Amino acid sequence: MEKLLIKNVVVFNTSSPVEIKRGVDVLVSDGVIEKVGANMEPEGAAVLDGKGRIMIPGNVVGHHHYYSALSRGMILPHTGSQKDFIGTLQNWWWKIDRALDEKALYYSSLVASIESIKAGSTGVIDHHASPSFISGSLEVIAKGMEDVGIRGVTCFEVTNRNGGDDEERRGVEENVAFASFVDEKRKENPRYLVESMIGAHAPFTISDGALSLLKGAVEKTGRGLHIHVAEDSYDTSWSHHKYGKDITERLESFDLLDEKTLLVHGIALYPEEIERINSHSSYLAHNARSNMNNQVGYASLIKNVKNLILGTDGCGGNMFEEIRIAFFKGRDAKLGWWPSDYLGALAKGSVFLSKCFGNRIALGRVDEGYRGDLVLLDYKSPTPLVEENAATHFVWGMDSSNVSSVIVDGKVLYDEKRFIGLDEDEIYSKAREEARKVWSRADSFK
């Protein structure tokens, strides 16, 4: 049995009920927290000195695009207009994903995983697209996740934007094949860290035929659907024009709304659509930074969503930054939410990630029976840190610079701000080489 004892920490449980415990030790056995107590000295346990630091359950990135890792600072001299949302997609993001090949995808997965871990995110839910490399692409992403050691979920976003019905079919086949791959991996190793969902881009690039295929994939694999909805009013208008239905009504007609469904953005949804989402206990990921960057508006109805989580939509894996900006954007929009509301949404990401793993694992608390996905923060509070103000400390004070150690499934991946057994310099050097190739290919597309 693998045992890890983390000595002398201040436990800060970020999910409800928020809890502060001082001067405790945490024992993790075979990836699961066995005991939280004081003055423990179990035989045969590796020991990590917590040095009185704050321990939180690892943050979860509720929606990410790993392929965006090689887009930072991208130079496309010959790109077209980005005057609106569709122009941004066509002349930026859809050129990037078309330019990805196997090697670029692997290094984007490594870099995105590394940056998430360094920011205190132990879990990530990825949404992938690479139209020029579909079959086998998800296994490449999974390998990057495995090689870093992060807990991850990924899927392929089904779309008809490049190749019509054939592209949709191939995307569905890749989702189903990867789910089968994960099932086999889990037979070999029940603690396998990667899971699958059934991905789809957005309703305006998905035919009814594809929705029928997606329904079949969900039923066959037992996984949930991961899809953008109403990121811009264009998506909503398209659904009304083409199908005469609200977006969520269309999804519901194919039985694609349930407690395993992850909808993303929801900016242009109507109040009755939020009610429909809630009636199915589906989840919605809010991505404040991405929404501002794409100038698509504010998702003011998030306050009515029962199962709200926070994502980045490809803006890295730093949930400290995401929650802070989401909070300030909400204040600016007079949403009426407080730090505790956003911390609650962040914590629900762990609940949904557990669902992705079929509830075989429990995530999101430093308590007995929960998985050992843990983060140590070297945060020196200038004021008392108590349960009544802990959420405010999290949003206003704590950030990724405080992350000193990260543990996933009971394994120490990152300690004293250094990775164990991972050559960051070499990975980043090779990533830069691949990024240049991706940029060149993307710039050549019409």
Foldseek 3Di string as FASTA:
>chain_A
DAKEKEFFEWEFFLAPVTATDGGWMWMADQQFTADIGHDDDDPPYHYHYLVHFYKYFFFEFLEAALLCQLVVVFDQPQFDDLPALVSCCVRPVVLLLQLDDLVLLLLSLLVLLVQQVLFRHQEYEYEYGRLNYAAPSVVSSLVSCVVLVGQYEYAYAAFPPDPHPVSLVSRLVNQLVVLVVVVVVCVVPVVRRYFYAYHHEEQLGADLVSLLSSLVSCVVRVAAYEYEYCLACVRQVSCCVVPVDGRLVSNVVSVRAALRYEYERCQPPDPVSLVVNVVRNHEYEHAQVVSVVNVRDDNLCPVVHPQYAYHHHHPGNNVLVRLLNVVVVCVVVVSVDDLSVSSNRRQSSQVSSCVSSVVPAHGRGSRGRHGPFMWTFQFDDPDDCGSVCVSVCSRPPDTSVRTAWTAGSRRTQGHRRHGDPDDPVVSVVVSNVVSVSSSVSSSPDD
